[in-house]
Amino acid sequence: MDATKLLKDDHDKVKKMLEELESTTERGVKTREQLFTKVKQELTVHEAIEEEIFYPALREHPKTKEIALEAYEEHHVVDMVMAEIEGVAFDDERWSAKFMVMKENLEHHIEEEEGEMFKQAKQVFEKEELEELGDQMLARKEQLLQQQTAA
């Protein structure tokens, strides 16, 4: 599986969940909680495969090093906002505001990855290399998902 295709599929899934979550209200505490938990699980696995496999490969190339370093920082910002959200009650009006900040940061990050990063990745890696990275990422993703289910 091509690494960029795997990541794009993840992005599409997360964007759909974010839209669902955005449409919830303070009254939908249970729905909010369930959706937020799913988003967090997806992002945790997605970040892991990017940070353990994809970004390190990008950092090895001078042309893609800078964009990979920026992506690590964008993950960090989203993680910080997500941690703050967890400290706010689902029916608190601040929850929606914090969630929107997280969503906007994620959308920006996804846009950059799918645009500039993927374009650069396709320039520095051969098709076979992208498929090998994708296979490694898929195997790691399945391992992480099994760990989440077992926990």
Foldseek 3Di string as FASTA:
>chain_A
DFQLVVLVVLLVVLLVLLVVLLPDALVPQVVNVVSLVVSVLSLVLSCCLCVVFVLVVQCVDPQRVVVSVVLVVLSVVLVVLSVVLVVDRSNDPVNSVSSVVSSVSSVVSVVCCNPVVVVVCPVVDPRVVSVVSNVVSVVSSVVSVVVVVVD
